[in-house]
């Protein structure tokens, strides 16, 4: 925070993008077919954002625990924590379908292998 405004965490944003891209590369290098690209895109974005969101949640929780005993600050911290938890919940719900689809594909491919 600087002057009451959130500063962008460019390093975390880059790492989130790298994680998402790494998921795409891993599965495409394993010959995931193009017809599953939409599911792969959803999976990679959701997992990348979940990674980032858990880092954010950890930082917010550490700040909350270490903050001075001020009820206004507690309220603000709880609002921030709730937003982080809601963000995680949204991605957790969103990732289920592509994860299930790609898991089923992975097990079908595994059964085809000698």
PDB file of N, CA and C in Angstrom:
ATOM      1  N   UNK A   1       0.841  -1.181   0.000  1.00  0.00           N
ATOM      2  CA  UNK A   1       0.000   0.000   0.000  1.00  0.00           C
ATOM      3  C   UNK A   1       0.883   1.240   0.000  1.00  0.00           C
ATOM      4  N   UNK A   2       0.405   2.224  -0.719  1.00  0.00           N
ATOM      5  CA  UNK A   2       1.109   3.492  -0.767  1.00  0.00           C
ATOM      6  C   UNK A   2       0.048   4.571  -0.881  1.00  0.00           C
ATOM      7  N   UNK A   3       0.005   5.486   0.064  1.00  0.00           N
ATOM      8  CA  UNK A   3      -0.998   6.554   0.080  1.00  0.00           C
ATOM      9  C   UNK A   3      -2.420   5.999   0.007  1.00  0.00           C
ATOM     10  N   UNK A   4      -2.668   4.858   0.661  1.00  0.00           N
ATOM     11  CA  UNK A   4      -4.006   4.292   0.696  1.00  0.00           C
ATOM     12  C   UNK A   4      -4.428   3.587  -0.580  1.00  0.00           C
ATOM     13  N   UNK A   5      -3.527   3.437  -1.538  1.00  0.00           N
ATOM     14  CA  UNK A   5      -3.865   2.787  -2.806  1.00  0.00           C
ATOM     15  C   UNK A   5      -3.062   1.511  -2.947  1.00  0.00           C
ATOM     16  N   UNK A   6      -3.686   0.509  -3.522  1.00  0.00           N
ATOM     17  CA  UNK A   6      -3.001  -0.764  -3.757  1.00  0.00           C
ATOM     18  C   UNK A   6      -2.017  -0.587  -4.906  1.00  0.00           C
ATOM     19  N   UNK A   7      -0.810  -1.016  -4.712  1.00  0.00           N
ATOM     20  CA  UNK A   7       0.200  -1.003  -5.759  1.00  0.00           C
ATOM     21  C   UNK A   7       0.125  -2.346  -6.500  1.00  0.00           C
ATOM     22  N   UNK A   8       0.274  -2.331  -7.814  1.00  0.00           N
ATOM     23  CA  UNK A   8       0.274  -3.605  -8.530  1.00  0.00           C
ATOM     24  C   UNK A   8       1.521  -4.411  -8.167  1.00  0.00           C
ATOM     25  N   UNK A   9       1.347  -5.695  -8.007  1.00  0.00           N
ATOM     26  CA  UNK A   9       2.467  -6.587  -7.724  1.00  0.00           C
ATOM     27  C   UNK A   9       2.862  -7.227  -9.047  1.00  0.00           C
ATOM     28  N   UNK A  10       3.728  -6.543  -9.777  1.00  0.00           N
ATOM     29  CA  UNK A  10       4.100  -7.000 -11.114  1.00  0.00           C
ATOM     30  C   UNK A  10       4.834  -8.332 -11.087  1.00  0.00           C
ATOM     31  N   UNK A  11       5.630  -8.560 -10.061  1.00  0.00           N
ATOM     32  CA  UNK A  11       6.349  -9.830  -9.966  1.00  0.00           C
ATOM     33  C   UNK A  11       5.365 -10.987  -9.802  1.00  0.00           C
ATOM     34  N   UNK A  12       4.358 -10.806  -8.947  1.00  0.00           N
ATOM     35  CA  UNK A  12       3.364 -11.858  -8.761  1.00  0.00           C
ATOM     36  C   UNK A  12       2.529 -12.040 -10.030  1.00  0.00           C
ATOM     37  N   UNK A  13       2.202 -10.962 -10.704  1.00  0.00           N
ATOM     38  CA  UNK A  13       1.438 -11.058 -11.954  1.00  0.00           C
ATOM     39  C   UNK A  13       2.236 -11.824 -13.007  1.00  0.00           C
ATOM     40  N   UNK A  14       3.524 -11.548 -13.081  1.00  0.00           N
ATOM     41  CA  UNK A  14       4.364 -12.278 -14.042  1.00  0.00           C
ATOM     42  C   UNK A  14       4.436 -13.763 -13.688  1.00  0.00           C
ATOM     43  N   UNK A  15       4.581 -14.058 -12.407  1.00  0.00           N
ATOM     44  CA  UNK A  15       4.675 -15.461 -11.977  1.00  0.00           C
ATOM     45  C   UNK A  15       3.355 -16.185 -12.241  1.00  0.00           C
ATOM     46  N   UNK A  16       2.239 -15.503 -12.033  1.00  0.00           N
ATOM     47  CA  UNK A  16       0.929 -16.076 -12.328  1.00  0.00           C
ATOM     48  C   UNK A  16       0.832 -16.427 -13.809  1.00  0.00           C
ATOM     49  N   UNK A  17       1.256 -15.505 -14.657  1.00  0.00           N
ATOM     50  CA  UNK A  17       1.223 -15.743 -16.101  1.00  0.00           C
ATOM     51  C   UNK A  17       2.164 -16.874 -16.498  1.00  0.00           C
ATOM     52  N   UNK A  18       3.337 -16.918 -15.883  1.00  0.00           N
ATOM     53  CA  UNK A  18       4.290 -17.999 -16.180  1.00  0.00           C
ATOM     54  C   UNK A  18       3.700 -19.345 -15.765  1.00  0.00           C
ATOM     55  N   UNK A  19       3.075 -19.402 -14.592  1.00  0.00           N
ATOM     56  CA  UNK A  19       2.457 -20.654 -14.147  1.00  0.00           C
ATOM     57  C   UNK A  19       1.370 -21.099 -15.126  1.00  0.00           C
ATOM     58  N   UNK A  20       0.505 -20.169 -15.511  1.00  0.00           N
ATOM     59  CA  UNK A  20      -0.570 -20.507 -16.450  1.00  0.00           C
ATOM     60  C   UNK A  20       0.013 -20.989 -17.774  1.00  0.00           C
ATOM     61  N   UNK A  21       1.014 -20.296 -18.274  1.00  0.00           N
ATOM     62  CA  UNK A  21       1.639 -20.682 -19.536  1.00  0.00           C
ATOM     63  C   UNK A  21       2.329 -22.045 -19.416  1.00  0.00           C
ATOM     64  N   UNK A  22       2.945 -22.306 -18.280  1.00  0.00           N
ATOM     65  CA  UNK A  22       3.621 -23.593 -18.070  1.00  0.00           C
ATOM     66  C   UNK A  22       2.642 -24.759 -18.121  1.00  0.00           C
ATOM     67  N   UNK A  23       1.436 -24.538 -17.625  1.00  0.00           N
ATOM     68  CA  UNK A  23       0.401 -25.579 -17.692  1.00  0.00           C
ATOM     69  C   UNK A  23       0.053 -25.863 -19.144  1.00  0.00           C
ATOM     70  N   UNK A  24      -0.129 -24.799 -19.922  1.00  0.00           N
ATOM     71  CA  UNK A  24      -0.447 -24.954 -21.348  1.00  0.00           C
ATOM     72  C   UNK A  24       0.671 -25.708 -22.050  1.00  0.00           C
ATOM     73  N   UNK A  25       1.910 -25.289 -21.842  1.00  0.00           N
ATOM     74  CA  UNK A  25       3.057 -25.922 -22.505  1.00  0.00           C
ATOM     75  C   UNK A  25       3.148 -27.401 -22.132  1.00  0.00           C
ATOM     76  N   UNK A  26       3.012 -27.715 -20.848  1.00  0.00           N
ATOM     77  CA  UNK A  26       3.112 -29.114 -20.411  1.00  0.00           C
ATOM     78  C   UNK A  26       2.124 -29.994 -21.152  1.00  0.00           C
ATOM     79  N   UNK A  27       0.862 -29.574 -21.188  1.00  0.00           N
ATOM     80  CA  UNK A  27      -0.166 -30.425 -21.796  1.00  0.00           C
ATOM     81  C   UNK A  27      -0.095 -30.422 -23.322  1.00  0.00           C
ATOM     82  N   UNK A  28       0.285 -29.313 -23.932  1.00  0.00           N
ATOM     83  CA  UNK A  28       0.432 -29.294 -25.387  1.00  0.00           C
ATOM     84  C   UNK A  28       1.629 -30.142 -25.807  1.00  0.00           C
ATOM     85  N   UNK A  29       2.700 -30.149 -25.018  1.00  0.00           N
ATOM     86  CA  UNK A  29       3.850 -31.004 -25.322  1.00  0.00           C
ATOM     87  C   UNK A  29       3.498 -32.485 -25.179  1.00  0.00           C
ATOM     88  N   UNK A  30       2.442 -32.777 -24.430  1.00  0.00           N
ATOM     89  CA  UNK A  30       1.963 -34.158 -24.289  1.00  0.00           C
ATOM     90  C   UNK A  30       0.897 -34.472 -25.340  1.00  0.00           C
ATOM     91  N   UNK A  31       0.801 -33.598 -26.351  1.00  0.00           N
ATOM     92  CA  UNK A  31      -0.104 -33.775 -27.493  1.00  0.00           C
ATOM     93  C   UNK A  31      -1.576 -33.678 -27.124  1.00  0.00           C
ATOM     94  N   UNK A  32      -1.914 -32.795 -26.202  1.00  0.00           N
ATOM     95  CA  UNK A  32      -3.318 -32.529 -25.939  1.00  0.00           C
ATOM     96  C   UNK A  32      -3.931 -32.003 -27.234  1.00  0.00           C
ATOM     97  N   UNK A  33      -5.046 -32.574 -27.679  1.00  0.00           N
ATOM     98  CA  UNK A  33      -5.617 -32.152 -28.966  1.00  0.00           C
ATOM     99  C   UNK A  33      -6.185 -30.732 -28.916  1.00  0.00           C
ATOM    100  N   UNK A  34      -6.188 -30.112 -30.088  1.00  0.00           N
ATOM    101  CA  UNK A  34      -6.663 -28.733 -30.211  1.00  0.00           C
ATOM    102  C   UNK A  34      -8.113 -28.567 -29.785  1.00  0.00           C
ATOM    103  N   UNK A  35      -8.920 -29.599 -29.905  1.00  0.00           N
ATOM    104  CA  UNK A  35     -10.333 -29.458 -29.531  1.00  0.00           C
ATOM    105  C   UNK A  35     -10.522 -29.309 -28.013  1.00  0.00           C
ATOM    106  N   UNK A  36      -9.464 -29.495 -27.243  1.00  0.00           N
ATOM    107  CA  UNK A  36      -9.525 -29.266 -25.792  1.00  0.00           C
ATOM    108  C   UNK A  36      -8.851 -27.949 -25.384  1.00  0.00           C
ATOM    109  N   UNK A  37      -8.501 -27.121 -26.363  1.00  0.00           N
ATOM    110  CA  UNK A  37      -7.829 -25.850 -26.062  1.00  0.00           C
ATOM    111  C   UNK A  37      -8.670 -24.930 -25.184  1.00  0.00           C
ATOM    112  N   UNK A  38      -9.977 -24.886 -25.397  1.00  0.00           N
ATOM    113  CA  UNK A  38     -10.822 -24.024 -24.558  1.00  0.00           C
ATOM    114  C   UNK A  38     -10.774 -24.472 -23.096  1.00  0.00           C
ATOM    115  N   UNK A  39     -10.836 -25.781 -22.883  1.00  0.00           N
ATOM    116  CA  UNK A  39     -10.761 -26.308 -21.519  1.00  0.00           C
ATOM    117  C   UNK A  39      -9.383 -26.055 -20.915  1.00  0.00           C
ATOM    118  N   UNK A  40      -8.360 -26.201 -21.744  1.00  0.00           N
ATOM    119  CA  UNK A  40      -6.989 -25.943 -21.292  1.00  0.00           C
ATOM    120  C   UNK A  40      -6.814 -24.476 -20.906  1.00  0.00           C
ATOM    121  N   UNK A  41      -7.380 -23.582 -21.680  1.00  0.00           N
ATOM    122  CA  UNK A  41      -7.273 -22.159 -21.363  1.00  0.00           C
ATOM    123  C   UNK A  41      -7.925 -21.855 -20.022  1.00  0.00           C
ATOM    124  N   UNK A  42      -9.116 -22.402 -19.800  1.00  0.00           N
ATOM    125  CA  UNK A  42      -9.802 -22.188 -18.521  1.00  0.00           C
ATOM    126  C   UNK A  42      -8.984 -22.755 -17.365  1.00  0.00           C
ATOM    127  N   UNK A  43      -8.501 -23.973 -17.543  1.00  0.00           N
ATOM    128  CA  UNK A  43      -7.712 -24.622 -16.490  1.00  0.00           C
ATOM    129  C   UNK A  43      -6.474 -23.803 -16.144  1.00  0.00           C
ATOM    130  N   UNK A  44      -5.743 -23.385 -17.161  1.00  0.00           N
ATOM    131  CA  UNK A  44      -4.482 -22.690 -16.898  1.00  0.00           C
ATOM    132  C   UNK A  44      -4.713 -21.334 -16.226  1.00  0.00           C
ATOM    133  N   UNK A  45      -5.725 -20.602 -16.674  1.00  0.00           N
ATOM    134  CA  UNK A  45      -6.011 -19.304 -16.058  1.00  0.00           C
ATOM    135  C   UNK A  45      -6.473 -19.480 -14.613  1.00  0.00           C
ATOM    136  N   UNK A  46      -7.401 -20.415 -14.402  1.00  0.00           N
ATOM    137  CA  UNK A  46      -7.912 -20.622 -13.045  1.00  0.00           C
ATOM    138  C   UNK A  46      -6.819 -21.093 -12.094  1.00  0.00           C
ATOM    139  N   UNK A  47      -6.002 -22.050 -12.512  1.00  0.00           N
ATOM    140  CA  UNK A  47      -4.942 -22.526 -11.624  1.00  0.00           C
ATOM    141  C   UNK A  47      -3.894 -21.451 -11.380  1.00  0.00           C
ATOM    142  N   UNK A  48      -3.556 -20.687 -12.412  1.00  0.00           N
ATOM    143  CA  UNK A  48      -2.622 -19.579 -12.219  1.00  0.00           C
ATOM    144  C   UNK A  48      -3.168 -18.549 -11.243  1.00  0.00           C
ATOM    145  N   UNK A  49      -4.456 -18.212 -11.395  1.00  0.00           N
ATOM    146  CA  UNK A  49      -5.064 -17.239 -10.488  1.00  0.00           C
ATOM    147  C   UNK A  49      -5.237 -17.791  -9.085  1.00  0.00           C
ATOM    148  N   UNK A  50      -5.501 -19.088  -8.956  1.00  0.00           N
ATOM    149  CA  UNK A  50      -5.579 -19.689  -7.616  1.00  0.00           C
ATOM    150  C   UNK A  50      -4.225 -19.618  -6.918  1.00  0.00           C
ATOM    151  N   UNK A  51      -3.163 -19.873  -7.659  1.00  0.00           N
ATOM    152  CA  UNK A  51      -1.824 -19.761  -7.074  1.00  0.00           C
ATOM    153  C   UNK A  51      -1.599 -18.340  -6.562  1.00  0.00           C
ATOM    154  N   UNK A  52      -1.930 -17.372  -7.407  1.00  0.00           N
ATOM    155  CA  UNK A  52      -1.744 -15.972  -7.030  1.00  0.00           C
ATOM    156  C   UNK A  52      -2.630 -15.584  -5.853  1.00  0.00           C
ATOM    157  N   UNK A  53      -3.876 -16.028  -5.887  1.00  0.00           N
ATOM    158  CA  UNK A  53      -4.831 -15.669  -4.833  1.00  0.00           C
ATOM    159  C   UNK A  53      -4.429 -16.246  -3.481  1.00  0.00           C
ATOM    160  N   UNK A  54      -3.853 -17.442  -3.482  1.00  0.00           N
ATOM    161  CA  UNK A  54      -3.431 -18.005  -2.191  1.00  0.00           C
ATOM    162  C   UNK A  54      -2.257 -17.222  -1.634  1.00  0.00           C
ATOM    163  N   UNK A  55      -1.390 -16.704  -2.499  1.00  0.00           N
ATOM    164  CA  UNK A  55      -0.304 -15.830  -2.022  1.00  0.00           C
ATOM    165  C   UNK A  55      -0.866 -14.543  -1.441  1.00  0.00           C
ATOM    166  N   UNK A  56      -1.847 -13.980  -2.123  1.00  0.00           N
ATOM    167  CA  UNK A  56      -2.490 -12.759  -1.632  1.00  0.00           C
ATOM    168  C   UNK A  56      -3.160 -13.006  -0.293  1.00  0.00           C
ATOM    169  N   UNK A  57      -3.894 -14.113  -0.189  1.00  0.00           N
ATOM    170  CA  UNK A  57      -4.572 -14.452   1.058  1.00  0.00           C
ATOM    171  C   UNK A  57      -3.565 -14.598   2.194  1.00  0.00           C
ATOM    172  N   UNK A  58      -2.461 -15.270   1.938  1.00  0.00           N
ATOM    173  CA  UNK A  58      -1.434 -15.445   2.975  1.00  0.00           C
ATOM    174  C   UNK A  58      -0.897 -14.092   3.442  1.00  0.00           C
ATOM    175  N   UNK A  59      -0.630 -13.194   2.511  1.00  0.00           N
ATOM    176  CA  UNK A  59      -0.135 -11.870   2.879  1.00  0.00           C
ATOM    177  C   UNK A  59      -1.154 -11.066   3.666  1.00  0.00           C
ATOM    178  N   UNK A  60      -2.413 -11.123   3.243  1.00  0.00           N
ATOM    179  CA  UNK A  60      -3.474 -10.414   3.963  1.00  0.00           C
ATOM    180  C   UNK A  60      -3.647 -10.952   5.377  1.00  0.00           C
ATOM    181  N   UNK A  61      -3.555 -12.269   5.513  1.00  0.00           N
ATOM    182  CA  UNK A  61      -3.705 -12.875   6.836  1.00  0.00           C
ATOM    183  C   UNK A  61      -2.549 -12.477   7.748  1.00  0.00           C
ATOM    184  N   UNK A  62      -1.333 -12.475   7.209  1.00  0.00           N
ATOM    185  CA  UNK A  62      -0.181 -12.045   8.002  1.00  0.00           C
ATOM    186  C   UNK A  62      -0.338 -10.586   8.428  1.00  0.00           C
ATOM    187  N   UNK A  63      -0.808  -9.743   7.517  1.00  0.00           N
ATOM    188  CA  UNK A  63      -1.025  -8.326   7.849  1.00  0.00           C
ATOM    189  C   UNK A  63      -2.097  -8.167   8.914  1.00  0.00           C
ATOM    190  N   UNK A  64      -3.160  -8.933   8.792  1.00  0.00           N
ATOM    191  CA  UNK A  64      -4.254  -8.880   9.770  1.00  0.00           C
ATOM    192  C   UNK A  64      -3.757  -9.266  11.160  1.00  0.00           C
ATOM    193  N   UNK A  65      -3.036 -10.368  11.230  1.00  0.00           N
ATOM    194  CA  UNK A  65      -2.547 -10.854  12.524  1.00  0.00           C
ATOM    195  C   UNK A  65      -1.556  -9.866  13.137  1.00  0.00           C
ATOM    196  N   UNK A  66      -0.734  -9.236  12.303  1.00  0.00           N
ATOM    197  CA  UNK A  66       0.280  -8.319  12.813  1.00  0.00           C
ATOM    198  C   UNK A  66      -0.182  -6.876  12.974  1.00  0.00           C
ATOM    199  N   UNK A  67      -1.446  -6.607  12.660  1.00  0.00           N
ATOM    200  CA  UNK A  67      -1.916  -5.222  12.722  1.00  0.00           C
ATOM    201  C   UNK A  67      -2.208  -4.796  14.165  1.00  0.00           C
ATOM    202  N   UNK A  68      -2.192  -3.489  14.404  1.00  0.00           N
ATOM    203  CA  UNK A  68      -2.502  -2.997  15.747  1.00  0.00           C
ATOM    204  C   UNK A  68      -3.958  -3.292  16.113  1.00  0.00           C
ATOM    205  N   UNK A  69      -4.253  -3.343  17.407  1.00  0.00           N
ATOM    206  CA  UNK A  69      -5.622  -3.651  17.844  1.00  0.00           C
ATOM    207  C   UNK A  69      -6.558  -2.450  17.649  1.00  0.00           C
ATOM    208  N   UNK A  70      -7.014  -2.292  16.421  1.00  0.00           N
ATOM    209  CA  UNK A  70      -7.902  -1.186  16.054  1.00  0.00           C
ATOM    210  C   UNK A  70      -9.093  -1.780  15.305  1.00  0.00           C
ATOM    211  N   UNK A  71     -10.311  -1.562  15.808  1.00  0.00           N
ATOM    212  CA  UNK A  71     -11.483  -2.194  15.214  1.00  0.00           C
ATOM    213  C   UNK A  71     -11.722  -1.746  13.775  1.00  0.00           C
ATOM    214  N   UNK A  72     -11.410  -0.513  13.468  1.00  0.00           N
ATOM    215  CA  UNK A  72     -11.554  -0.056  12.088  1.00  0.00           C
ATOM    216  C   UNK A  72     -10.637  -0.818  11.152  1.00  0.00           C
ATOM    217  N   UNK A  73      -9.376  -1.000  11.602  1.00  0.00           N
ATOM    218  CA  UNK A  73      -8.403  -1.755  10.806  1.00  0.00           C
ATOM    219  C   UNK A  73      -8.828  -3.220  10.695  1.00  0.00           C
ATOM    220  N   UNK A  74      -9.391  -3.772  11.779  1.00  0.00           N
ATOM    221  CA  UNK A  74      -9.876  -5.160  11.748  1.00  0.00           C
ATOM    222  C   UNK A  74     -10.980  -5.294  10.697  1.00  0.00           C
ATOM    223  N   UNK A  75     -11.915  -4.360  10.710  1.00  0.00           N
ATOM    224  CA  UNK A  75     -12.995  -4.396   9.721  1.00  0.00           C
ATOM    225  C   UNK A  75     -12.458  -4.323   8.304  1.00  0.00           C
ATOM    226  N   UNK A  76     -11.521  -3.401   8.059  1.00  0.00           N
ATOM    227  CA  UNK A  76     -10.919  -3.277   6.726  1.00  0.00           C
ATOM    228  C   UNK A  76     -10.206  -4.563   6.324  1.00  0.00           C
ATOM    229  N   UNK A  77      -9.467  -5.143   7.260  1.00  0.00           N
ATOM    230  CA  UNK A  77      -8.746  -6.388   6.974  1.00  0.00           C
ATOM    231  C   UNK A  77      -9.705  -7.525   6.652  1.00  0.00           C
ATOM    232  N   UNK A  78     -10.795  -7.604   7.402  1.00  0.00           N
ATOM    233  CA  UNK A  78     -11.763  -8.671   7.141  1.00  0.00           C
ATOM    234  C   UNK A  78     -12.440  -8.505   5.778  1.00  0.00           C
ATOM    235  N   UNK A  79     -12.681  -7.270   5.386  1.00  0.00           N
ATOM    236  CA  UNK A  79     -13.239  -7.029   4.046  1.00  0.00           C
ATOM    237  C   UNK A  79     -12.245  -7.503   2.979  1.00  0.00           C
ATOM    238  N   UNK A  80     -10.969  -7.169   3.157  1.00  0.00           N
ATOM    239  CA  UNK A  80      -9.949  -7.603   2.201  1.00  0.00           C
ATOM    240  C   UNK A  80      -9.825  -9.123   2.184  1.00  0.00           C
ATOM    241  N   UNK A  81      -9.849  -9.743   3.352  1.00  0.00           N
ATOM    242  CA  UNK A  81      -9.776 -11.201   3.421  1.00  0.00           C
ATOM    243  C   UNK A  81     -10.982 -11.839   2.741  1.00  0.00           C
ATOM    244  N   UNK A  82     -12.160 -11.273   2.969  1.00  0.00           N
ATOM    245  CA  UNK A  82     -13.370 -11.804   2.336  1.00  0.00           C
ATOM    246  C   UNK A  82     -13.276 -11.719   0.817  1.00  0.00           C
ATOM    247  N   UNK A  83     -12.758 -10.603   0.302  1.00  0.00           N
ATOM    248  CA  UNK A  83     -12.595 -10.457  -1.148  1.00  0.00           C
ATOM    249  C   UNK A  83     -11.635 -11.514  -1.690  1.00  0.00           C
ATOM    250  N   UNK A  84     -10.542 -11.777  -0.975  1.00  0.00           N
ATOM    251  CA  UNK A  84      -9.583 -12.794  -1.404  1.00  0.00           C
ATOM    252  C   UNK A  84     -10.214 -14.186  -1.375  1.00  0.00           C
ATOM    253  N   UNK A  85     -10.966 -14.484  -0.322  1.00  0.00           N
ATOM    254  CA  UNK A  85     -11.631 -15.786  -0.216  1.00  0.00           C
ATOM    255  C   UNK A  85     -12.675 -15.943  -1.320  1.00  0.00           C
ATOM    256  N   UNK A  86     -13.441 -14.882  -1.585  1.00  0.00           N
ATOM    257  CA  UNK A  86     -14.429 -14.937  -2.668  1.00  0.00           C
ATOM    258  C   UNK A  86     -13.762 -15.173  -4.017  1.00  0.00           C
ATOM    259  N   UNK A  87     -12.619 -14.522  -4.233  1.00  0.00           N
ATOM    260  CA  UNK A  87     -11.874 -14.710  -5.484  1.00  0.00           C
ATOM    261  C   UNK A  87     -11.416 -16.159  -5.618  1.00  0.00           C
ATOM    262  N   UNK A  88     -10.900 -16.716  -4.538  1.00  0.00           N
ATOM    263  CA  UNK A  88     -10.479 -18.117  -4.545  1.00  0.00           C
ATOM    264  C   UNK A  88     -11.678 -19.017  -4.816  1.00  0.00           C
ATOM    265  N   UNK A  89     -12.801 -18.728  -4.161  1.00  0.00           N
ATOM    266  CA  UNK A  89     -14.007 -19.534  -4.368  1.00  0.00           C
ATOM    267  C   UNK A  89     -14.486 -19.501  -5.803  1.00  0.00           C
ATOM    268  N   UNK A  90     -14.424 -18.331  -6.430  1.00  0.00           N
ATOM    269  CA  UNK A  90     -14.870 -18.213  -7.815  1.00  0.00           C
ATOM    270  C   UNK A  90     -14.012 -19.089  -8.717  1.00  0.00           C
ATOM    271  N   UNK A  91     -12.683 -19.008  -8.557  1.00  0.00           N
ATOM    272  CA  UNK A  91     -11.791 -19.819  -9.393  1.00  0.00           C
ATOM    273  C   UNK A  91     -11.902 -21.304  -9.057  1.00  0.00           C
ATOM    274  N   UNK A  92     -12.128 -21.637  -7.796  1.00  0.00           N
ATOM    275  CA  UNK A  92     -12.307 -23.044  -7.420  1.00  0.00           C
ATOM    276  C   UNK A  92     -13.535 -23.629  -8.108  1.00  0.00           C
ATOM    277  N   UNK A  93     -14.601 -22.866  -8.174  1.00  0.00           N
ATOM    278  CA  UNK A  93     -15.801 -23.325  -8.889  1.00  0.00           C
ATOM    279  C   UNK A  93     -15.547 -23.400 -10.384  1.00  0.00           C
ATOM    280  N   UNK A  94     -14.903 -22.389 -10.928  1.00  0.00           N
ATOM    281  CA  UNK A  94     -14.667 -22.298 -12.364  1.00  0.00           C
ATOM    282  C   UNK A  94     -13.761 -23.409 -12.887  1.00  0.00           C
ATOM    283  N   UNK A  95     -12.793 -23.820 -12.092  1.00  0.00           N
ATOM    284  CA  UNK A  95     -11.799 -24.787 -12.558  1.00  0.00           C
ATOM    285  C   UNK A  95     -12.344 -26.221 -12.589  1.00  0.00           C
ATOM    286  N   UNK A  96     -13.439 -26.473 -11.914  1.00  0.00           N
ATOM    287  CA  UNK A  96     -13.927 -27.854 -11.809  1.00  0.00           C
ATOM    288  C   UNK A  96     -14.223 -28.500 -13.161  1.00  0.00           C
ATOM    289  N   UNK A  97     -14.966 -27.819 -14.021  1.00  0.00           N
ATOM    290  CA  UNK A  97     -15.339 -28.419 -15.306  1.00  0.00           C
ATOM    291  C   UNK A  97     -14.127 -28.714 -16.188  1.00  0.00           C
ATOM    292  N   UNK A  98     -13.238 -27.728 -16.429  1.00  0.00           N
ATOM    293  CA  UNK A  98     -12.088 -28.067 -17.262  1.00  0.00           C
ATOM    294  C   UNK A  98     -11.179 -29.109 -16.610  1.00  0.00           C
ATOM    295  N   UNK A  99     -11.077 -29.073 -15.292  1.00  0.00           N
ATOM    296  CA  UNK A  99     -10.247 -30.066 -14.620  1.00  0.00           C
ATOM    297  C   UNK A  99     -10.833 -31.469 -14.801  1.00  0.00           C
ATOM    298  N   UNK A 100     -12.144 -31.586 -14.659  1.00  0.00           N
ATOM    299  CA  UNK A 100     -12.791 -32.887 -14.859  1.00  0.00           C
ATOM    300  C   UNK A 100     -12.618 -33.365 -16.296  1.00  0.00           C
ATOM    301  N   UNK A 101     -12.845 -32.479 -17.254  1.00  0.00           N
ATOM    302  CA  UNK A 101     -12.710 -32.848 -18.661  1.00  0.00           C
ATOM    303  C   UNK A 101     -11.302 -33.314 -18.978  1.00  0.00           C
ATOM    304  N   UNK A 102     -10.307 -32.579 -18.528  1.00  0.00           N
ATOM    305  CA  UNK A 102      -8.928 -32.938 -18.834  1.00  0.00           C
ATOM    306  C   UNK A 102      -8.464 -34.154 -18.031  1.00  0.00           C
ATOM    307  N   UNK A 103      -8.999 -34.333 -16.842  1.00  0.00           N
ATOM    308  CA  UNK A 103      -8.687 -35.534 -16.061  1.00  0.00           C
ATOM    309  C   UNK A 103      -9.217 -36.778 -16.773  1.00  0.00           C
ATOM    310  N   UNK A 104     -10.445 -36.702 -17.246  1.00  0.00           N
ATOM    311  CA  UNK A 104     -11.018 -37.830 -17.989  1.00  0.00           C
ATOM    312  C   UNK A 104     -10.190 -38.130 -19.239  1.00  0.00           C
ATOM    313  N   UNK A 105      -9.791 -37.096 -19.946  1.00  0.00           N
ATOM    314  CA  UNK A 105      -8.947 -37.285 -21.128  1.00  0.00           C
ATOM    315  C   UNK A 105      -7.631 -37.956 -20.739  1.00  0.00           C
ATOM    316  N   UNK A 106      -7.008 -37.493 -19.658  1.00  0.00           N
ATOM    317  CA  UNK A 106      -5.729 -38.051 -19.213  1.00  0.00           C
ATOM    318  C   UNK A 106      -5.864 -39.536 -18.895  1.00  0.00           C
ATOM    319  N   UNK A 107      -6.924 -39.908 -18.205  1.00  0.00           N
ATOM    320  CA  UNK A 107      -7.096 -41.328 -17.860  1.00  0.00           C
ATOM    321  C   UNK A 107      -7.420 -42.175 -19.079  1.00  0.00           C
ATOM    322  N   UNK A 108      -8.150 -41.624 -20.051  1.00  0.00           N
ATOM    323  CA  UNK A 108      -8.389 -42.366 -21.299  1.00  0.00           C
ATOM    324  C   UNK A 108      -7.074 -42.613 -22.016  1.00  0.00           C
ATOM    325  N   UNK A 109      -6.236 -41.581 -22.072  1.00  0.00           N
ATOM    326  CA  UNK A 109      -4.923 -41.730 -22.729  1.00  0.00           C
ATOM    327  C   UNK A 109      -4.049 -42.724 -21.974  1.00  0.00           C
ATOM    328  N   UNK A 110      -4.117 -42.693 -20.648  1.00  0.00           N
ATOM    329  CA  UNK A 110      -3.313 -43.617 -19.849  1.00  0.00           C
ATOM    330  C   UNK A 110      -3.712 -45.066 -20.120  1.00  0.00           C
ATOM    331  N   UNK A 111      -5.001 -45.298 -20.288  1.00  0.00           N
ATOM    332  CA  UNK A 111      -5.482 -46.660 -20.564  1.00  0.00           C
ATOM    333  C   UNK A 111      -5.036 -47.142 -21.950  1.00  0.00           C
ATOM    334  N   UNK A 112      -4.825 -46.206 -22.877  1.00  0.00           N
ATOM    335  CA  UNK A 112      -4.388 -46.552 -24.234  1.00  0.00           C
ATOM    336  C   UNK A 112      -2.903 -46.894 -24.277  1.00  0.00           C
ATOM    337  N   UNK A 113      -2.144 -46.425 -23.291  1.00  0.00           N
ATOM    338  CA  UNK A 113      -0.697 -46.661 -23.287  1.00  0.00           C
ATOM    339  C   UNK A 113      -0.389 -48.082 -22.853  1.00  0.00           C
ATOM    340  N   UNK A 114       0.635 -48.666 -23.491  1.00  0.00           N
ATOM    341  CA  UNK A 114       1.008 -50.053 -23.098  1.00  0.00           C
ATOM    342  C   UNK A 114       1.654 -50.119 -21.744  1.00  0.00           C
TER     343      UNK A 114
END
